[in-house]
Structure formats: structure tokens, C-alpha cells
Amino acid sequence: MEMSIWESLLLGVLVLLVLFWFGPGAKAALRESPKGRAEDWRSLILPLGMVVLFVVLLIALA
């Protein structure tokens, strides 16, 4: 099922409206949020790396 041109245009306008609506709030939230330290990034990257390695292991075993 294909979208017609007017549906695509309406969807594009809707996306732009949502971006303009949430933009100022997102900018303020990013400005006022605490900055990440090295320990914070390590605690994010380590589990993600383990998940990636597990998925690669599963693919290799399949």
C-alpha cells in the first residue's frame, strides 16, 4: 500500500510541527542536564559491548 502525495506532505508538515513544538523544551533540557563523566560513559558502553558480543556469538553459532 503506497501513500499518496498529499499524505506524504501532511506527514512531513506534521513532523515539522512536532519538531518546532518540542524543540525549545529539548534544548532547555539538554542545557540544564548534568554532564556525563568517564565513569558514566564506561557504565553505558560496557553493557552495550557485552550485548553486541553476545549477539555476534549467537550469529556465529547459528
N, C-alpha and C. Protein backbone atom coordinates (compact mmCIF):
# COMPACT_ATOMS: atom_id res chain seq x y z
N MET A 1 0.83 -1.17 0.00
CA MET A 1 0.00 0.00 0.00
C MET A 1 0.89 1.25 0.00
N GLU A 2 0.70 2.10 -0.95
CA GLU A 2 1.50 3.30 -1.12
C GLU A 2 0.78 4.53 -0.59
N MET A 3 1.55 5.46 -0.06
CA MET A 3 0.96 6.72 0.41
C MET A 3 0.86 7.67 -0.78
N SER A 4 -0.23 8.40 -0.83
CA SER A 4 -0.38 9.38 -1.89
C SER A 4 0.45 10.61 -1.56
N ILE A 5 0.55 11.51 -2.52
CA ILE A 5 1.39 12.70 -2.34
C ILE A 5 0.86 13.57 -1.21
N TRP A 6 -0.46 13.75 -1.13
CA TRP A 6 -0.98 14.62 -0.08
C TRP A 6 -0.76 14.02 1.31
N GLU A 7 -0.74 12.68 1.41
CA GLU A 7 -0.47 12.05 2.70
C GLU A 7 0.99 12.25 3.10
N SER A 8 1.89 12.16 2.12
CA SER A 8 3.30 12.38 2.39
C SER A 8 3.54 13.83 2.83
N LEU A 9 2.91 14.77 2.15
CA LEU A 9 3.06 16.17 2.51
C LEU A 9 2.49 16.44 3.90
N LEU A 10 1.34 15.87 4.19
CA LEU A 10 0.74 16.05 5.50
C LEU A 10 1.62 15.46 6.60
N LEU A 11 2.20 14.32 6.34
CA LEU A 11 3.10 13.70 7.31
C LEU A 11 4.35 14.56 7.52
N GLY A 12 4.90 15.12 6.45
CA GLY A 12 6.06 16.00 6.56
C GLY A 12 5.75 17.24 7.36
N VAL A 13 4.59 17.84 7.12
CA VAL A 13 4.19 19.03 7.89
C VAL A 13 4.01 18.67 9.36
N LEU A 14 3.42 17.53 9.63
CA LEU A 14 3.23 17.08 11.00
C LEU A 14 4.56 16.89 11.71
N VAL A 15 5.53 16.29 11.03
CA VAL A 15 6.85 16.09 11.62
C VAL A 15 7.50 17.43 11.93
N LEU A 16 7.41 18.38 11.01
CA LEU A 16 7.98 19.71 11.26
C LEU A 16 7.30 20.40 12.44
N LEU A 17 5.99 20.29 12.54
CA LEU A 17 5.28 20.90 13.66
C LEU A 17 5.71 20.28 15.00
N VAL A 18 5.87 18.97 15.01
CA VAL A 18 6.31 18.31 16.25
C VAL A 18 7.72 18.75 16.61
N LEU A 19 8.60 18.87 15.63
CA LEU A 19 9.97 19.33 15.91
C LEU A 19 9.98 20.75 16.46
N PHE A 20 9.17 21.63 15.87
CA PHE A 20 9.11 23.00 16.37
C PHE A 20 8.45 23.08 17.75
N TRP A 21 7.54 22.17 18.03
CA TRP A 21 6.84 22.18 19.31
C TRP A 21 7.76 21.69 20.43
N PHE A 22 8.49 20.59 20.19
CA PHE A 22 9.34 20.02 21.22
C PHE A 22 10.76 20.60 21.23
N GLY A 23 11.13 21.34 20.21
CA GLY A 23 12.49 21.87 20.10
C GLY A 23 12.95 22.70 21.28
N PRO A 24 12.19 23.74 21.67
CA PRO A 24 12.66 24.58 22.79
C PRO A 24 12.78 23.80 24.11
N GLY A 25 11.85 22.91 24.37
CA GLY A 25 11.94 22.12 25.60
C GLY A 25 13.13 21.18 25.60
N ALA A 26 13.41 20.58 24.45
CA ALA A 26 14.57 19.68 24.35
C ALA A 26 15.87 20.46 24.50
N LYS A 27 15.92 21.65 23.92
CA LYS A 27 17.12 22.48 24.03
C LYS A 27 17.37 22.87 25.49
N ALA A 28 16.32 23.26 26.20
CA ALA A 28 16.46 23.62 27.61
C ALA A 28 16.86 22.41 28.45
N ALA A 29 16.28 21.25 28.16
CA ALA A 29 16.62 20.05 28.92
C ALA A 29 18.08 19.66 28.71
N LEU A 30 18.58 19.78 27.49
CA LEU A 30 19.98 19.47 27.24
C LEU A 30 20.91 20.47 27.91
N ARG A 31 20.51 21.73 27.93
CA ARG A 31 21.35 22.77 28.54
C ARG A 31 21.44 22.58 30.05
N GLU A 32 20.35 22.16 30.69
CA GLU A 32 20.31 22.06 32.15
C GLU A 32 20.63 20.67 32.69
N SER A 33 20.87 19.72 31.81
CA SER A 33 21.15 18.36 32.28
C SER A 33 22.58 18.25 32.79
N PRO A 34 22.83 17.31 33.71
CA PRO A 34 24.20 17.13 34.18
C PRO A 34 25.07 16.52 33.09
N LYS A 35 26.32 16.89 33.10
CA LYS A 35 27.27 16.38 32.10
C LYS A 35 27.78 15.00 32.53
N GLY A 36 28.00 14.14 31.54
CA GLY A 36 28.48 12.80 31.85
C GLY A 36 29.96 12.76 32.15
N ARG A 37 30.32 11.92 33.09
CA ARG A 37 31.73 11.73 33.44
C ARG A 37 32.22 10.45 32.77
N ALA A 38 33.50 10.17 32.88
CA ALA A 38 34.10 8.99 32.25
C ALA A 38 33.48 7.71 32.83
N GLU A 39 33.19 7.71 34.14
CA GLU A 39 32.61 6.52 34.76
C GLU A 39 31.20 6.27 34.22
N ASP A 40 30.47 7.35 33.96
CA ASP A 40 29.12 7.19 33.42
C ASP A 40 29.16 6.57 32.03
N TRP A 41 30.08 7.05 31.20
CA TRP A 41 30.17 6.51 29.84
C TRP A 41 30.64 5.06 29.86
N ARG A 42 31.55 4.73 30.77
CA ARG A 42 32.02 3.35 30.88
C ARG A 42 30.88 2.43 31.29
N SER A 43 30.02 2.90 32.19
CA SER A 43 28.91 2.06 32.64
C SER A 43 27.85 1.91 31.55
N LEU A 44 27.87 2.76 30.55
CA LEU A 44 26.97 2.60 29.42
C LEU A 44 27.58 1.70 28.35
N ILE A 45 28.84 1.92 28.05
CA ILE A 45 29.49 1.20 26.94
C ILE A 45 29.74 -0.27 27.28
N LEU A 46 30.06 -0.58 28.52
CA LEU A 46 30.35 -1.96 28.90
C LEU A 46 29.15 -2.89 28.68
N PRO A 47 27.95 -2.57 29.17
CA PRO A 47 26.81 -3.46 28.89
C PRO A 47 26.46 -3.53 27.40
N LEU A 48 26.54 -2.40 26.71
CA LEU A 48 26.26 -2.42 25.27
C LEU A 48 27.26 -3.30 24.53
N GLY A 49 28.51 -3.22 24.91
CA GLY A 49 29.52 -4.08 24.29
C GLY A 49 29.28 -5.55 24.56
N MET A 50 28.85 -5.86 25.78
CA MET A 50 28.54 -7.25 26.11
C MET A 50 27.36 -7.76 25.29
N VAL A 51 26.35 -6.93 25.09
CA VAL A 51 25.20 -7.33 24.28
C VAL A 51 25.61 -7.57 22.84
N VAL A 52 26.46 -6.68 22.31
CA VAL A 52 26.92 -6.84 20.93
C VAL A 52 27.72 -8.13 20.79
N LEU A 53 28.60 -8.40 21.73
CA LEU A 53 29.38 -9.64 21.67
C LEU A 53 28.48 -10.87 21.78
N PHE A 54 27.45 -10.81 22.62
CA PHE A 54 26.52 -11.93 22.75
C PHE A 54 25.77 -12.16 21.46
N VAL A 55 25.33 -11.09 20.81
CA VAL A 55 24.62 -11.23 19.54
C VAL A 55 25.54 -11.80 18.47
N VAL A 56 26.78 -11.33 18.43
CA VAL A 56 27.75 -11.87 17.46
C VAL A 56 27.99 -13.36 17.73
N LEU A 57 28.07 -13.75 19.00
CA LEU A 57 28.24 -15.16 19.35
C LEU A 57 27.03 -15.98 18.89
N LEU A 58 25.84 -15.46 19.12
CA LEU A 58 24.65 -16.19 18.68
C LEU A 58 24.61 -16.34 17.16
N ILE A 59 25.00 -15.30 16.45
CA ILE A 59 25.02 -15.38 14.98
C ILE A 59 26.06 -16.39 14.53
N ALA A 60 27.21 -16.40 15.19
CA ALA A 60 28.26 -17.34 14.81
C ALA A 60 27.85 -18.79 15.07
N LEU A 61 27.07 -19.01 16.11
CA LEU A 61 26.65 -20.36 16.44
C LEU A 61 25.49 -20.85 15.58
N ALA A 62 24.80 -19.93 14.96
CA ALA A 62 23.62 -20.32 14.17
C ALA A 62 24.01 -20.89 12.82
